[in-house]
N, C-alpha and C. Protein backbone atom coordinates (compact mmCIF):
# COMPACT_ATOMS: atom_id res chain seq x y z
N UNK A 1 43.25 -5.08 -25.12
CA UNK A 1 44.18 -4.85 -26.20
C UNK A 1 45.49 -5.56 -25.89
N UNK A 2 46.00 -6.28 -26.87
CA UNK A 2 47.25 -7.01 -26.66
C UNK A 2 48.43 -6.06 -26.76
N UNK A 3 49.45 -6.37 -25.99
CA UNK A 3 50.66 -5.57 -26.01
C UNK A 3 51.60 -6.02 -27.11
N UNK A 4 52.78 -5.46 -27.07
CA UNK A 4 53.79 -5.78 -28.08
C UNK A 4 54.34 -7.18 -27.83
N UNK A 5 54.62 -7.89 -28.88
CA UNK A 5 55.23 -9.21 -28.78
C UNK A 5 56.75 -9.03 -28.86
N UNK A 6 57.44 -9.65 -27.95
CA UNK A 6 58.89 -9.57 -27.94
C UNK A 6 59.48 -10.89 -28.41
N UNK A 7 60.62 -10.82 -29.08
CA UNK A 7 61.31 -12.03 -29.50
C UNK A 7 61.99 -12.64 -28.28
N UNK A 8 62.38 -13.88 -28.41
CA UNK A 8 63.07 -14.56 -27.32
C UNK A 8 64.35 -13.83 -26.96
N UNK A 9 65.06 -13.35 -27.98
CA UNK A 9 66.31 -12.64 -27.73
C UNK A 9 66.07 -11.35 -26.95
N UNK A 10 65.01 -10.63 -27.29
CA UNK A 10 64.67 -9.40 -26.57
C UNK A 10 64.33 -9.70 -25.12
N UNK A 11 63.61 -10.77 -24.89
CA UNK A 11 63.24 -11.15 -23.53
C UNK A 11 64.48 -11.45 -22.70
N UNK A 12 65.41 -12.20 -23.28
CA UNK A 12 66.63 -12.56 -22.56
C UNK A 12 67.46 -11.32 -22.28
N UNK A 13 67.52 -10.39 -23.23
CA UNK A 13 68.26 -9.14 -22.99
C UNK A 13 67.67 -8.36 -21.83
N UNK A 14 66.35 -8.32 -21.74
CA UNK A 14 65.70 -7.63 -20.62
C UNK A 14 66.02 -8.30 -19.29
N UNK A 15 66.05 -9.63 -19.29
CA UNK A 15 66.41 -10.35 -18.07
C UNK A 15 67.83 -10.03 -17.65
N UNK A 16 68.73 -9.94 -18.61
CA UNK A 16 70.14 -9.64 -18.32
C UNK A 16 70.29 -8.20 -17.81
N UNK A 17 69.47 -7.28 -18.34
CA UNK A 17 69.52 -5.90 -17.87
C UNK A 17 69.23 -5.81 -16.39
N UNK A 18 68.28 -6.60 -15.93
CA UNK A 18 67.90 -6.56 -14.51
C UNK A 18 69.01 -7.13 -13.63
N UNK A 19 69.87 -7.96 -14.20
CA UNK A 19 70.97 -8.54 -13.42
C UNK A 19 72.13 -7.57 -13.26
N UNK A 20 72.17 -6.52 -14.06
CA UNK A 20 73.27 -5.56 -13.98
C UNK A 20 73.25 -4.85 -12.63
N UNK A 21 74.44 -4.46 -12.19
CA UNK A 21 74.57 -3.76 -10.92
C UNK A 21 73.86 -2.40 -11.03
N UNK A 22 73.07 -2.08 -10.04
CA UNK A 22 72.38 -0.80 -10.01
C UNK A 22 71.03 -0.79 -10.71
N UNK A 23 70.64 -1.89 -11.32
CA UNK A 23 69.34 -1.97 -12.00
C UNK A 23 68.39 -2.79 -11.16
N UNK A 24 67.18 -2.35 -11.07
CA UNK A 24 66.16 -3.12 -10.36
C UNK A 24 65.17 -3.70 -11.37
N UNK A 25 64.47 -4.71 -10.94
CA UNK A 25 63.46 -5.32 -11.80
C UNK A 25 62.38 -4.31 -12.14
N UNK A 26 62.00 -3.51 -11.16
CA UNK A 26 60.94 -2.51 -11.36
C UNK A 26 61.36 -1.51 -12.43
N UNK A 27 62.62 -1.02 -12.37
CA UNK A 27 63.06 -0.03 -13.36
C UNK A 27 63.13 -0.61 -14.76
N UNK A 28 63.58 -1.86 -14.88
CA UNK A 28 63.65 -2.51 -16.20
C UNK A 28 62.25 -2.70 -16.75
N UNK A 29 61.32 -3.12 -15.89
CA UNK A 29 59.94 -3.34 -16.33
C UNK A 29 59.30 -2.03 -16.80
N UNK A 30 59.52 -0.96 -16.06
CA UNK A 30 58.96 0.33 -16.43
C UNK A 30 59.57 0.84 -17.74
N UNK A 31 60.86 0.64 -17.90
CA UNK A 31 61.54 1.11 -19.11
C UNK A 31 61.00 0.42 -20.36
N UNK A 32 60.70 -0.86 -20.24
CA UNK A 32 60.25 -1.62 -21.41
C UNK A 32 58.73 -1.77 -21.48
N UNK A 33 58.03 -1.27 -20.49
CA UNK A 33 56.57 -1.30 -20.52
C UNK A 33 55.98 -2.67 -20.31
N UNK A 34 56.60 -3.46 -19.44
CA UNK A 34 56.07 -4.78 -19.12
C UNK A 34 55.76 -4.84 -17.62
N UNK A 35 54.94 -5.80 -17.23
CA UNK A 35 54.62 -5.93 -15.81
C UNK A 35 55.68 -6.80 -15.13
N UNK A 36 55.72 -6.69 -13.81
CA UNK A 36 56.66 -7.53 -13.06
C UNK A 36 56.27 -9.00 -13.19
N UNK A 37 54.99 -9.26 -13.28
CA UNK A 37 54.52 -10.63 -13.44
C UNK A 37 55.07 -11.23 -14.75
N UNK A 38 55.01 -10.44 -15.81
CA UNK A 38 55.55 -10.88 -17.09
C UNK A 38 57.04 -11.15 -16.98
N UNK A 39 57.75 -10.24 -16.32
CA UNK A 39 59.19 -10.39 -16.13
C UNK A 39 59.50 -11.71 -15.43
N UNK A 40 58.80 -11.99 -14.34
CA UNK A 40 59.07 -13.22 -13.58
C UNK A 40 58.66 -14.46 -14.36
N UNK A 41 57.61 -14.37 -15.18
CA UNK A 41 57.22 -15.50 -16.03
C UNK A 41 58.33 -15.79 -17.05
N UNK A 42 58.89 -14.73 -17.65
CA UNK A 42 59.99 -14.91 -18.60
C UNK A 42 61.20 -15.49 -17.89
N UNK A 43 61.47 -15.02 -16.68
CA UNK A 43 62.63 -15.50 -15.93
C UNK A 43 62.48 -16.98 -15.63
N UNK A 44 61.26 -17.40 -15.29
CA UNK A 44 61.02 -18.81 -15.02
C UNK A 44 61.19 -19.64 -16.30
N UNK A 45 60.76 -19.09 -17.43
CA UNK A 45 60.83 -19.83 -18.69
C UNK A 45 62.24 -19.88 -19.26
N UNK A 46 62.91 -18.72 -19.27
CA UNK A 46 64.22 -18.64 -19.93
C UNK A 46 65.39 -18.71 -18.97
N UNK A 47 65.16 -18.41 -17.69
CA UNK A 47 66.18 -18.55 -16.67
C UNK A 47 67.54 -18.01 -17.07
N UNK A 48 68.51 -18.88 -17.06
CA UNK A 48 69.88 -18.48 -17.37
C UNK A 48 70.26 -18.85 -18.82
N UNK A 49 69.27 -18.94 -19.67
CA UNK A 49 69.51 -19.30 -21.07
C UNK A 49 70.28 -18.17 -21.77
N UNK A 50 71.24 -18.56 -22.58
CA UNK A 50 72.01 -17.59 -23.38
C UNK A 50 71.32 -17.39 -24.72
N UNK A 51 71.71 -16.32 -25.42
CA UNK A 51 71.07 -16.01 -26.70
C UNK A 51 71.24 -17.14 -27.72
N UNK A 52 72.45 -17.71 -27.79
CA UNK A 52 72.66 -18.78 -28.77
C UNK A 52 71.83 -20.02 -28.43
N UNK A 53 71.61 -20.26 -27.15
CA UNK A 53 70.76 -21.38 -26.76
C UNK A 53 69.31 -21.12 -27.15
N UNK A 54 68.88 -19.87 -27.02
CA UNK A 54 67.51 -19.52 -27.39
C UNK A 54 67.31 -19.69 -28.89
N UNK A 55 68.30 -19.30 -29.68
CA UNK A 55 68.20 -19.47 -31.13
C UNK A 55 68.14 -20.94 -31.50
N UNK A 56 68.96 -21.75 -30.83
CA UNK A 56 68.96 -23.18 -31.09
C UNK A 56 67.62 -23.79 -30.69
N UNK A 57 67.06 -23.35 -29.57
CA UNK A 57 65.75 -23.84 -29.13
C UNK A 57 64.68 -23.53 -30.16
N UNK A 58 64.69 -22.30 -30.70
CA UNK A 58 63.70 -21.92 -31.71
C UNK A 58 63.85 -22.77 -32.96
N UNK A 59 65.10 -23.04 -33.39
CA UNK A 59 65.32 -23.88 -34.56
C UNK A 59 64.81 -25.30 -34.33
N UNK A 60 65.06 -25.83 -33.13
CA UNK A 60 64.59 -27.17 -32.81
C UNK A 60 63.07 -27.23 -32.77
N UNK A 61 62.43 -26.19 -32.27
CA UNK A 61 60.97 -26.15 -32.24
C UNK A 61 60.40 -26.12 -33.66
N UNK A 62 61.04 -25.36 -34.55
CA UNK A 62 60.59 -25.32 -35.95
C UNK A 62 60.73 -26.69 -36.60
N UNK A 63 61.87 -27.33 -36.36
CA UNK A 63 62.10 -28.65 -36.95
C UNK A 63 61.11 -29.66 -36.39
N UNK A 64 60.84 -29.59 -35.11
CA UNK A 64 59.88 -30.50 -34.48
C UNK A 64 58.49 -30.32 -35.09
N UNK A 65 58.08 -29.07 -35.30
CA UNK A 65 56.77 -28.80 -35.91
C UNK A 65 56.71 -29.37 -37.33
N UNK A 66 57.81 -29.21 -38.08
CA UNK A 66 57.87 -29.74 -39.44
C UNK A 66 57.75 -31.26 -39.44
N UNK A 67 58.46 -31.92 -38.52
CA UNK A 67 58.40 -33.38 -38.44
C UNK A 67 57.02 -33.87 -38.02
N UNK A 68 56.36 -33.14 -37.14
CA UNK A 68 55.00 -33.51 -36.74
C UNK A 68 54.04 -33.41 -37.92
N UNK A 69 54.20 -32.36 -38.75
CA UNK A 69 53.35 -32.22 -39.94
C UNK A 69 53.59 -33.38 -40.90
N UNK A 70 54.87 -33.75 -41.08
CA UNK A 70 55.20 -34.86 -41.96
C UNK A 70 54.56 -36.15 -41.47
N UNK A 71 54.62 -36.38 -40.16
CA UNK A 71 54.04 -37.59 -39.59
C UNK A 71 52.52 -37.60 -39.79
N UNK A 72 51.89 -36.47 -39.56
CA UNK A 72 50.43 -36.38 -39.74
C UNK A 72 50.06 -36.65 -41.19
N UNK A 73 50.83 -36.11 -42.13
CA UNK A 73 50.56 -36.35 -43.55
C UNK A 73 50.70 -37.83 -43.89
N UNK A 74 51.73 -38.47 -43.36
CA UNK A 74 51.94 -39.90 -43.62
C UNK A 74 50.80 -40.72 -43.03
N UNK A 75 50.37 -40.38 -41.83
CA UNK A 75 49.28 -41.13 -41.20
C UNK A 75 47.98 -40.94 -41.98
N UNK A 76 47.75 -39.74 -42.48
CA UNK A 76 46.56 -39.48 -43.27
C UNK A 76 46.60 -40.27 -44.57
N UNK A 77 47.75 -40.30 -45.22
CA UNK A 77 47.91 -41.08 -46.44
C UNK A 77 47.66 -42.56 -46.21
N UNK A 78 48.14 -43.05 -45.09
CA UNK A 78 47.96 -44.46 -44.74
C UNK A 78 46.47 -44.77 -44.54
N UNK A 79 45.77 -43.88 -43.86
CA UNK A 79 44.33 -44.07 -43.64
C UNK A 79 43.56 -44.05 -44.95
N UNK A 80 43.93 -43.15 -45.85
CA UNK A 80 43.26 -43.08 -47.15
C UNK A 80 43.48 -44.37 -47.94
N UNK A 81 44.69 -44.91 -47.88
CA UNK A 81 44.96 -46.17 -48.58
C UNK A 81 44.14 -47.31 -47.98
N UNK A 82 44.02 -47.34 -46.66
CA UNK A 82 43.22 -48.39 -46.02
C UNK A 82 41.76 -48.31 -46.46
N UNK A 83 41.22 -47.10 -46.50
CA UNK A 83 39.83 -46.90 -46.92
C UNK A 83 39.65 -47.33 -48.38
N UNK A 84 40.60 -47.01 -49.22
CA UNK A 84 40.50 -47.38 -50.64
C UNK A 84 40.53 -48.90 -50.80
N UNK A 85 41.38 -49.58 -50.03
CA UNK A 85 41.45 -51.03 -50.10
C UNK A 85 40.18 -51.69 -49.59
N UNK A 86 39.59 -51.13 -48.54
CA UNK A 86 38.36 -51.71 -48.00
C UNK A 86 37.22 -51.59 -49.00
N UNK A 87 37.17 -50.48 -49.73
CA UNK A 87 36.11 -50.29 -50.73
C UNK A 87 36.24 -51.26 -51.89
N UNK A 88 37.46 -51.64 -52.24
CA UNK A 88 37.67 -52.56 -53.35
C UNK A 88 37.27 -53.98 -52.98
N UNK A 89 37.38 -54.32 -51.71
CA UNK A 89 37.05 -55.69 -51.29
C UNK A 89 35.60 -55.77 -51.08
């Protein structure tokens, strides 16, 4: 069974909680119901990233995906035109 999905902002907040004085990684993991392995994987991925940087990263990823779709559509259109021209000749 899959667990709960956390947003990037939630993950970063959990990482910051563990950095607070008097908080341990184990206590933060138990409080949020995640494993220590998950915590360390998030720490490796997000490191010292701030919330605004995470939001900007997500926006850039969305834009990149949109541009990739546009490129694929253009390439498909180009291939269709080539096939149509070959059939006419």
